[in-house]
N, C-alpha and C. Protein backbone atom coordinates (compact mmCIF):
# COMPACT_ATOMS: atom_id res chain seq x y z
N MET A 1 3.92 -14.36 10.28
CA MET A 1 2.87 -14.48 11.24
C MET A 1 3.40 -14.24 12.66
N LEU A 2 4.54 -14.78 12.95
CA LEU A 2 5.17 -14.59 14.25
C LEU A 2 5.53 -13.13 14.48
N PHE A 3 5.97 -12.47 13.45
CA PHE A 3 6.29 -11.04 13.49
C PHE A 3 5.07 -10.22 13.87
N THR A 4 3.93 -10.51 13.22
CA THR A 4 2.68 -9.80 13.50
C THR A 4 2.25 -10.08 14.95
N TYR A 5 2.29 -11.33 15.37
CA TYR A 5 1.91 -11.69 16.73
C TYR A 5 2.76 -10.94 17.78
N HIS A 6 4.06 -10.94 17.55
CA HIS A 6 4.96 -10.34 18.52
C HIS A 6 4.69 -8.83 18.70
N TYR A 7 4.56 -8.11 17.60
CA TYR A 7 4.38 -6.64 17.70
C TYR A 7 2.94 -6.26 18.08
N CYS A 8 1.97 -7.06 17.72
CA CYS A 8 0.58 -6.82 18.19
C CYS A 8 0.54 -7.02 19.71
N ARG A 9 1.17 -8.06 20.17
CA ARG A 9 1.19 -8.32 21.61
C ARG A 9 1.94 -7.21 22.35
N SER A 10 3.03 -6.77 21.78
CA SER A 10 3.81 -5.70 22.39
C SER A 10 3.02 -4.40 22.46
N LEU A 11 2.27 -4.10 21.39
CA LEU A 11 1.41 -2.93 21.42
C LEU A 11 0.32 -3.05 22.43
N GLU A 12 -0.31 -4.24 22.51
CA GLU A 12 -1.42 -4.43 23.43
C GLU A 12 -0.95 -4.33 24.88
N GLU A 13 0.24 -4.83 25.18
CA GLU A 13 0.76 -4.78 26.51
C GLU A 13 1.40 -3.43 26.85
N GLY A 14 1.71 -2.66 25.82
CA GLY A 14 2.37 -1.39 26.02
C GLY A 14 1.42 -0.22 25.92
N SER A 15 1.46 0.46 24.79
CA SER A 15 0.69 1.70 24.64
C SER A 15 -0.80 1.46 24.49
N PHE A 16 -1.25 0.24 24.21
CA PHE A 16 -2.70 -0.03 24.16
C PHE A 16 -3.20 -0.79 25.40
N ARG A 17 -2.42 -0.75 26.48
CA ARG A 17 -2.82 -1.46 27.71
C ARG A 17 -4.15 -0.92 28.18
N GLY A 18 -5.12 -1.79 28.33
CA GLY A 18 -6.45 -1.40 28.77
C GLY A 18 -7.29 -0.75 27.69
N HIS A 19 -6.78 -0.75 26.46
CA HIS A 19 -7.49 -0.12 25.31
C HIS A 19 -7.51 -1.10 24.15
N THR A 20 -8.04 -2.27 24.38
CA THR A 20 -8.06 -3.31 23.32
C THR A 20 -8.90 -2.84 22.15
N SER A 21 -9.92 -2.04 22.37
CA SER A 21 -10.75 -1.57 21.26
C SER A 21 -9.95 -0.67 20.33
N ASP A 22 -9.02 0.07 20.89
CA ASP A 22 -8.17 0.95 20.05
C ASP A 22 -7.24 0.10 19.17
N LEU A 23 -6.72 -0.99 19.71
CA LEU A 23 -5.88 -1.89 18.91
C LEU A 23 -6.70 -2.56 17.81
N LEU A 24 -7.91 -2.98 18.12
CA LEU A 24 -8.77 -3.55 17.10
C LEU A 24 -9.08 -2.50 16.01
N PHE A 25 -9.30 -1.27 16.46
CA PHE A 25 -9.58 -0.19 15.48
C PHE A 25 -8.36 0.06 14.61
N LEU A 26 -7.15 0.01 15.15
CA LEU A 26 -5.94 0.14 14.35
C LEU A 26 -5.89 -0.91 13.26
N ILE A 27 -6.20 -2.17 13.61
CA ILE A 27 -6.15 -3.23 12.63
C ILE A 27 -7.25 -3.08 11.60
N LEU A 28 -8.46 -2.71 12.04
CA LEU A 28 -9.57 -2.48 11.08
C LEU A 28 -9.25 -1.31 10.17
N TYR A 29 -8.74 -0.21 10.75
CA TYR A 29 -8.34 0.97 9.95
C TYR A 29 -7.34 0.57 8.89
N GLY A 30 -6.32 -0.17 9.31
CA GLY A 30 -5.29 -0.59 8.34
C GLY A 30 -5.87 -1.44 7.25
N GLY A 31 -6.73 -2.38 7.59
CA GLY A 31 -7.33 -3.22 6.55
C GLY A 31 -8.16 -2.45 5.55
N VAL A 32 -8.98 -1.53 6.08
CA VAL A 32 -9.85 -0.73 5.21
C VAL A 32 -9.04 0.22 4.33
N VAL A 33 -8.11 0.97 4.90
CA VAL A 33 -7.33 1.95 4.14
C VAL A 33 -6.48 1.25 3.08
N MET A 34 -5.84 0.16 3.45
CA MET A 34 -4.96 -0.56 2.47
C MET A 34 -5.82 -1.19 1.36
N THR A 35 -6.99 -1.67 1.70
CA THR A 35 -7.87 -2.23 0.67
C THR A 35 -8.31 -1.14 -0.29
N LEU A 36 -8.70 0.03 0.24
CA LEU A 36 -9.11 1.13 -0.62
C LEU A 36 -7.95 1.62 -1.48
N LEU A 37 -6.74 1.73 -0.90
CA LEU A 37 -5.56 2.13 -1.70
C LEU A 37 -5.26 1.12 -2.78
N SER A 38 -5.37 -0.17 -2.46
CA SER A 38 -5.05 -1.18 -3.47
C SER A 38 -6.09 -1.16 -4.62
N ILE A 39 -7.34 -0.81 -4.28
CA ILE A 39 -8.36 -0.72 -5.32
C ILE A 39 -8.12 0.53 -6.19
N LEU A 40 -7.77 1.65 -5.56
CA LEU A 40 -7.51 2.87 -6.31
C LEU A 40 -6.28 2.75 -7.20
N LEU A 41 -5.27 2.03 -6.73
CA LEU A 41 -4.03 1.89 -7.49
C LEU A 41 -3.97 0.58 -8.26
N TYR A 42 -5.09 -0.08 -8.46
CA TYR A 42 -5.10 -1.40 -9.05
C TYR A 42 -4.45 -1.46 -10.42
N PHE A 43 -4.67 -0.42 -11.25
CA PHE A 43 -4.13 -0.43 -12.60
C PHE A 43 -2.62 -0.26 -12.66
N ASN A 44 -2.06 0.38 -11.66
CA ASN A 44 -0.61 0.59 -11.62
C ASN A 44 0.11 -0.42 -10.76
N LEU A 45 -0.60 -1.02 -9.84
CA LEU A 45 0.04 -1.87 -8.85
C LEU A 45 -0.89 -3.00 -8.48
N THR A 46 -0.53 -4.22 -8.75
CA THR A 46 -1.42 -5.31 -8.41
C THR A 46 -0.90 -6.02 -7.17
N ILE A 47 -1.60 -5.78 -6.06
CA ILE A 47 -1.31 -6.44 -4.80
C ILE A 47 -2.61 -7.19 -4.44
N HIS A 48 -2.46 -8.50 -4.31
CA HIS A 48 -3.66 -9.30 -4.04
C HIS A 48 -3.75 -9.73 -2.58
N PHE A 49 -2.65 -9.77 -1.89
CA PHE A 49 -2.65 -10.18 -0.48
C PHE A 49 -1.96 -9.08 0.35
N LEU A 50 -2.69 -8.51 1.30
CA LEU A 50 -2.17 -7.36 2.04
C LEU A 50 -1.70 -7.73 3.45
N GLY A 51 -1.47 -9.01 3.72
CA GLY A 51 -1.03 -9.45 5.04
C GLY A 51 0.33 -8.87 5.40
N ASP A 52 1.27 -8.83 4.46
CA ASP A 52 2.59 -8.26 4.76
C ASP A 52 2.50 -6.75 5.00
N ALA A 53 1.62 -6.09 4.26
CA ALA A 53 1.44 -4.66 4.47
C ALA A 53 0.85 -4.37 5.84
N LEU A 54 -0.11 -5.18 6.29
CA LEU A 54 -0.67 -5.02 7.60
C LEU A 54 0.37 -5.23 8.69
N THR A 55 1.22 -6.23 8.51
CA THR A 55 2.31 -6.48 9.45
C THR A 55 3.25 -5.28 9.52
N MET A 56 3.60 -4.72 8.37
CA MET A 56 4.48 -3.56 8.36
C MET A 56 3.82 -2.35 9.01
N MET A 57 2.51 -2.19 8.82
CA MET A 57 1.79 -1.09 9.43
C MET A 57 1.85 -1.20 10.96
N ILE A 58 1.58 -2.42 11.48
CA ILE A 58 1.62 -2.64 12.93
C ILE A 58 3.03 -2.39 13.45
N PHE A 59 4.02 -2.89 12.73
CA PHE A 59 5.41 -2.69 13.12
C PHE A 59 5.78 -1.22 13.09
N TYR A 60 5.31 -0.49 12.12
CA TYR A 60 5.61 0.95 12.03
C TYR A 60 5.04 1.70 13.20
N VAL A 61 3.78 1.42 13.54
CA VAL A 61 3.16 2.10 14.69
C VAL A 61 3.90 1.74 15.97
N TRP A 62 4.27 0.46 16.13
CA TRP A 62 5.06 0.05 17.28
C TRP A 62 6.39 0.81 17.36
N SER A 63 7.06 0.90 16.22
CA SER A 63 8.37 1.56 16.22
C SER A 63 8.28 3.05 16.53
N ARG A 64 7.21 3.69 16.10
CA ARG A 64 7.07 5.12 16.41
C ARG A 64 6.71 5.34 17.86
N ARG A 65 5.95 4.44 18.42
CA ARG A 65 5.58 4.59 19.83
C ARG A 65 6.68 4.14 20.79
N ASN A 66 7.68 3.43 20.33
CA ASN A 66 8.81 3.00 21.12
C ASN A 66 10.07 3.61 20.52
N ARG A 67 10.08 4.92 20.41
CA ARG A 67 11.13 5.61 19.67
C ARG A 67 12.51 5.51 20.31
N PHE A 68 12.60 5.12 21.57
CA PHE A 68 13.90 4.98 22.18
C PHE A 68 14.38 3.53 22.21
N GLY A 69 13.60 2.63 21.63
CA GLY A 69 14.00 1.22 21.57
C GLY A 69 15.10 1.03 20.56
N GLN A 70 15.90 0.01 20.82
CA GLN A 70 16.97 -0.33 19.89
C GLN A 70 16.76 -1.74 19.36
N MET A 71 16.98 -1.90 18.07
CA MET A 71 16.79 -3.17 17.40
C MET A 71 18.10 -3.60 16.79
N ARG A 72 18.30 -4.91 16.71
CA ARG A 72 19.49 -5.44 16.04
C ARG A 72 19.05 -5.95 14.66
N PHE A 73 19.83 -5.54 13.66
CA PHE A 73 19.56 -5.98 12.30
C PHE A 73 20.61 -6.99 11.90
N LEU A 74 20.16 -8.22 11.59
CA LEU A 74 21.04 -9.32 11.23
C LEU A 74 22.05 -9.66 12.32
N GLY A 75 21.77 -9.23 13.54
CA GLY A 75 22.68 -9.48 14.64
C GLY A 75 23.98 -8.67 14.59
N LEU A 76 24.06 -7.74 13.64
CA LEU A 76 25.32 -6.99 13.47
C LEU A 76 25.16 -5.51 13.79
N PHE A 77 24.06 -4.92 13.37
CA PHE A 77 23.89 -3.47 13.47
C PHE A 77 22.78 -3.14 14.45
N VAL A 78 23.00 -2.12 15.24
CA VAL A 78 21.99 -1.62 16.17
C VAL A 78 21.34 -0.43 15.52
N VAL A 79 20.00 -0.44 15.44
CA VAL A 79 19.24 0.63 14.79
C VAL A 79 18.16 1.06 15.78
N MET A 80 17.96 2.38 15.89
CA MET A 80 16.88 2.88 16.71
C MET A 80 15.54 2.46 16.10
N ALA A 81 14.57 2.13 16.94
CA ALA A 81 13.29 1.58 16.50
C ALA A 81 12.56 2.40 15.43
N PRO A 82 12.49 3.73 15.53
CA PRO A 82 11.77 4.48 14.50
C PRO A 82 12.34 4.34 13.09
N TYR A 83 13.62 3.99 12.98
CA TYR A 83 14.26 3.86 11.67
C TYR A 83 14.23 2.44 11.14
N PHE A 84 13.87 1.48 11.98
CA PHE A 84 13.96 0.08 11.58
C PHE A 84 13.03 -0.31 10.42
N PRO A 85 11.79 0.21 10.33
CA PRO A 85 11.00 -0.13 9.14
C PRO A 85 11.67 0.29 7.81
N PHE A 86 12.40 1.42 7.85
CA PHE A 86 13.07 1.88 6.64
C PHE A 86 14.31 1.05 6.35
N VAL A 87 14.96 0.51 7.39
CA VAL A 87 16.07 -0.40 7.19
C VAL A 87 15.56 -1.67 6.52
N LEU A 88 14.42 -2.18 6.96
CA LEU A 88 13.83 -3.36 6.30
C LEU A 88 13.44 -3.06 4.86
N LEU A 89 12.93 -1.88 4.63
CA LEU A 89 12.57 -1.48 3.25
C LEU A 89 13.84 -1.42 2.36
N ALA A 90 14.90 -0.82 2.86
CA ALA A 90 16.15 -0.75 2.11
C ALA A 90 16.72 -2.16 1.87
N PHE A 91 16.61 -3.01 2.87
CA PHE A 91 17.09 -4.39 2.73
C PHE A 91 16.31 -5.08 1.64
N GLY A 92 15.01 -4.83 1.53
CA GLY A 92 14.20 -5.42 0.47
C GLY A 92 14.64 -4.92 -0.90
N PHE A 93 15.00 -3.63 -1.01
CA PHE A 93 15.54 -3.09 -2.26
C PHE A 93 16.82 -3.81 -2.65
N ILE A 94 17.70 -4.01 -1.65
CA ILE A 94 18.99 -4.63 -1.91
C ILE A 94 18.80 -6.05 -2.41
N LEU A 95 17.83 -6.76 -1.82
CA LEU A 95 17.57 -8.16 -2.23
C LEU A 95 16.70 -8.25 -3.48
N ASN A 96 16.32 -7.12 -4.04
CA ASN A 96 15.50 -7.06 -5.26
C ASN A 96 14.15 -7.74 -5.04
N VAL A 97 13.54 -7.48 -3.88
CA VAL A 97 12.22 -8.00 -3.56
C VAL A 97 11.21 -6.88 -3.76
N SER A 98 10.01 -7.20 -4.15
CA SER A 98 8.96 -6.17 -4.29
C SER A 98 8.66 -5.56 -2.93
N VAL A 99 8.81 -4.26 -2.84
CA VAL A 99 8.62 -3.56 -1.57
C VAL A 99 7.32 -2.78 -1.56
N ALA A 100 6.45 -2.99 -2.52
CA ALA A 100 5.19 -2.27 -2.61
C ALA A 100 4.34 -2.46 -1.36
N GLN A 101 4.28 -3.68 -0.84
CA GLN A 101 3.49 -3.95 0.35
C GLN A 101 4.10 -3.26 1.57
N ASP A 102 5.41 -3.25 1.67
CA ASP A 102 6.05 -2.57 2.78
C ASP A 102 5.77 -1.06 2.73
N ILE A 103 5.78 -0.50 1.54
CA ILE A 103 5.51 0.95 1.40
C ILE A 103 4.05 1.21 1.77
N PHE A 104 3.13 0.34 1.33
CA PHE A 104 1.71 0.46 1.71
C PHE A 104 1.59 0.48 3.24
N GLY A 105 2.24 -0.47 3.90
CA GLY A 105 2.18 -0.54 5.33
C GLY A 105 2.75 0.66 6.04
N ILE A 106 3.89 1.14 5.58
CA ILE A 106 4.52 2.30 6.21
C ILE A 106 3.66 3.56 6.02
N VAL A 107 3.12 3.76 4.81
CA VAL A 107 2.28 4.94 4.55
C VAL A 107 1.01 4.86 5.41
N THR A 108 0.36 3.72 5.45
CA THR A 108 -0.85 3.58 6.24
C THR A 108 -0.56 3.76 7.73
N GLY A 109 0.51 3.17 8.19
CA GLY A 109 0.90 3.32 9.62
C GLY A 109 1.26 4.75 9.95
N HIS A 110 1.91 5.44 9.01
CA HIS A 110 2.29 6.84 9.27
C HIS A 110 1.04 7.73 9.35
N ILE A 111 0.07 7.48 8.48
CA ILE A 111 -1.17 8.27 8.52
C ILE A 111 -1.85 8.06 9.86
N TYR A 112 -1.95 6.81 10.32
CA TYR A 112 -2.55 6.53 11.62
C TYR A 112 -1.79 7.21 12.74
N TYR A 113 -0.46 7.07 12.74
CA TYR A 113 0.38 7.65 13.79
C TYR A 113 0.22 9.18 13.82
N PHE A 114 0.20 9.81 12.67
CA PHE A 114 0.06 11.26 12.60
C PHE A 114 -1.30 11.70 13.12
N LEU A 115 -2.37 11.04 12.69
CA LEU A 115 -3.70 11.45 13.06
C LEU A 115 -4.05 11.18 14.53
N VAL A 116 -3.41 10.15 15.11
CA VAL A 116 -3.73 9.78 16.50
C VAL A 116 -2.73 10.33 17.50
N ASP A 117 -1.43 10.34 17.17
CA ASP A 117 -0.41 10.69 18.15
C ASP A 117 0.24 12.07 17.94
N VAL A 118 0.31 12.56 16.72
CA VAL A 118 1.05 13.80 16.47
C VAL A 118 0.11 15.01 16.38
N PHE A 119 -0.84 14.98 15.48
CA PHE A 119 -1.68 16.15 15.22
C PHE A 119 -2.47 16.60 16.46
N PRO A 120 -3.05 15.72 17.25
CA PRO A 120 -3.82 16.19 18.43
C PRO A 120 -2.98 16.94 19.46
N LYS A 121 -1.65 16.75 19.45
CA LYS A 121 -0.78 17.40 20.43
C LYS A 121 -0.29 18.78 19.97
N HIS A 122 -0.59 19.14 18.74
CA HIS A 122 -0.25 20.47 18.23
C HIS A 122 -1.12 21.52 18.91
N PRO A 123 -0.69 22.77 18.95
CA PRO A 123 -1.46 23.82 19.65
C PRO A 123 -2.92 23.93 19.21
N ASN A 124 -3.19 23.85 17.94
CA ASN A 124 -4.56 23.92 17.46
C ASN A 124 -5.09 22.56 17.00
N GLY A 125 -4.43 21.52 17.44
CA GLY A 125 -4.77 20.18 16.98
C GLY A 125 -5.98 19.60 17.69
N PHE A 126 -6.57 18.64 17.06
CA PHE A 126 -7.72 17.90 17.62
C PHE A 126 -7.70 16.49 17.06
N LYS A 127 -8.48 15.61 17.65
CA LYS A 127 -8.47 14.22 17.21
C LYS A 127 -9.27 14.07 15.90
N LEU A 128 -8.60 13.67 14.87
CA LEU A 128 -9.27 13.43 13.60
C LEU A 128 -9.70 11.98 13.43
N LEU A 129 -8.99 11.10 14.12
CA LEU A 129 -9.29 9.67 14.00
C LEU A 129 -9.41 9.11 15.41
N ASP A 130 -10.59 8.62 15.73
CA ASP A 130 -10.84 8.11 17.08
C ASP A 130 -11.59 6.80 17.00
N THR A 131 -11.37 5.95 17.96
CA THR A 131 -12.06 4.65 18.01
C THR A 131 -13.55 4.89 18.21
N PRO A 132 -14.39 4.26 17.40
CA PRO A 132 -15.84 4.43 17.58
C PRO A 132 -16.30 3.98 18.96
N LYS A 133 -17.29 4.67 19.48
CA LYS A 133 -17.80 4.36 20.82
C LYS A 133 -18.41 2.96 20.87
N VAL A 134 -18.88 2.47 19.75
CA VAL A 134 -19.43 1.09 19.71
C VAL A 134 -18.36 0.08 20.11
N LEU A 135 -17.14 0.25 19.57
CA LEU A 135 -16.06 -0.66 19.92
C LEU A 135 -15.66 -0.50 21.39
N LYS A 136 -15.66 0.73 21.86
CA LYS A 136 -15.33 0.95 23.28
C LYS A 136 -16.33 0.29 24.20
N ARG A 137 -17.63 0.39 23.84
CA ARG A 137 -18.67 -0.23 24.65
C ARG A 137 -18.58 -1.75 24.54
N LEU A 138 -18.23 -2.25 23.37
CA LEU A 138 -18.11 -3.69 23.17
C LEU A 138 -17.08 -4.29 24.10
N PHE A 139 -15.97 -3.56 24.31
CA PHE A 139 -14.89 -4.01 25.17
C PHE A 139 -15.02 -3.46 26.60
N ASP A 140 -16.06 -2.69 26.87
CA ASP A 140 -16.38 -2.14 28.21
C ASP A 140 -15.16 -1.35 28.72
N GLU A 141 -14.74 -0.38 27.94
CA GLU A 141 -13.56 0.40 28.33
C GLU A 141 -13.98 1.80 28.69
N ASP A 142 -13.16 2.46 29.49
CA ASP A 142 -13.38 3.84 29.85
C ASP A 142 -12.79 4.76 28.79
N GLU A 143 -12.96 6.05 28.94
CA GLU A 143 -12.56 7.03 27.94
C GLU A 143 -11.18 7.65 28.28
N THR A 144 -10.33 6.97 29.05
CA THR A 144 -9.03 7.55 29.41
C THR A 144 -8.12 7.54 28.21
N GLU A 145 -7.16 8.43 28.22
CA GLU A 145 -6.19 8.55 27.13
C GLU A 145 -5.11 7.50 27.29
N HIS A 146 -4.41 7.25 26.20
CA HIS A 146 -3.25 6.35 26.18
C HIS A 146 -2.09 7.02 26.88
N TYR A 147 -1.22 6.23 27.39
CA TYR A 147 0.02 6.80 27.94
C TYR A 147 1.18 6.29 27.09
N VAL A 148 1.93 7.21 26.54
CA VAL A 148 3.11 6.88 25.78
C VAL A 148 4.27 7.63 26.41
N ALA A 149 5.29 6.95 26.84
CA ALA A 149 6.42 7.58 27.52
C ALA A 149 7.16 8.50 26.55
N GLU A 150 7.52 9.67 27.02
CA GLU A 150 8.30 10.60 26.21
C GLU A 150 9.79 10.20 26.18
N ARG A 151 10.27 9.67 27.26
CA ARG A 151 11.63 9.14 27.32
C ARG A 151 11.60 7.91 28.19
N PRO A 152 12.62 7.07 28.15
CA PRO A 152 12.58 5.79 28.89
C PRO A 152 12.33 5.97 30.37
N ASP A 153 12.79 7.05 31.00
CA ASP A 153 12.63 7.19 32.44
C ASP A 153 11.37 7.99 32.80
N ASP A 154 10.56 8.37 31.81
CA ASP A 154 9.35 9.16 32.04
C ASP A 154 8.21 8.22 32.40
N LEU A 155 7.80 8.21 33.66
CA LEU A 155 6.72 7.34 34.08
C LEU A 155 5.46 8.10 34.38
N GLY A 156 5.48 9.40 34.19
CA GLY A 156 4.27 10.21 34.36
C GLY A 156 3.76 10.20 35.80
N ASP A 157 2.47 10.20 35.96
CA ASP A 157 1.83 10.22 37.27
C ASP A 157 1.30 8.87 37.65
N LEU A 158 2.08 7.82 37.49
CA LEU A 158 1.61 6.50 37.81
C LEU A 158 1.69 6.25 39.30
N ASP A 159 0.75 5.54 39.85
CA ASP A 159 0.80 5.25 41.27
C ASP A 159 1.66 4.03 41.53
N GLU A 160 1.86 3.66 42.78
CA GLU A 160 2.77 2.59 43.14
C GLU A 160 2.30 1.23 42.58
N GLN A 161 0.99 0.95 42.56
CA GLN A 161 0.51 -0.32 42.03
C GLN A 161 0.78 -0.43 40.54
N GLU A 162 0.60 0.66 39.81
CA GLU A 162 0.86 0.64 38.37
C GLU A 162 2.35 0.38 38.14
N LEU A 163 3.23 0.98 38.92
CA LEU A 163 4.67 0.76 38.75
C LEU A 163 5.01 -0.69 39.00
N GLN A 164 4.38 -1.35 39.95
CA GLN A 164 4.68 -2.73 40.25
C GLN A 164 4.18 -3.66 39.12
N ARG A 165 3.08 -3.30 38.46
CA ARG A 165 2.59 -4.11 37.36
C ARG A 165 3.52 -4.07 36.16
N ARG A 166 4.21 -2.96 35.98
CA ARG A 166 5.13 -2.83 34.84
C ARG A 166 6.33 -3.62 35.17
């Protein structure tokens, strides 16, 4: 639970700043897609509680959007953030723990990341997955795009007040 809270908060204060409806849509998307996947794969894979998968999905999206971040694993190894979900997955294999929920979360998070952050930036790309306008109106948000830093020193066209808030 603490893991979910920490990375949801980090996403909301980071790449989803001022876009709470998009964060809610991420969580709703994850819940719906993972529920449908678990129903479709019910005969081969019985997962009854998808909370861990939702946590892994949120963590995966956070790790992809913070690709220059460094994480410590067991206080011994430093791993770049985009690779950390796979380190946790490998650690689960080593401990002989069921990793089906982690795989669900990573796959769902990767689909979201690809449809929202990668595909629209391709030359012929367009937005395939967008937050419904109802959610945007519910949170009274404007239609501005998210800002995700390309490198740690990339601050884009932020004004002086925005720099002071960070």
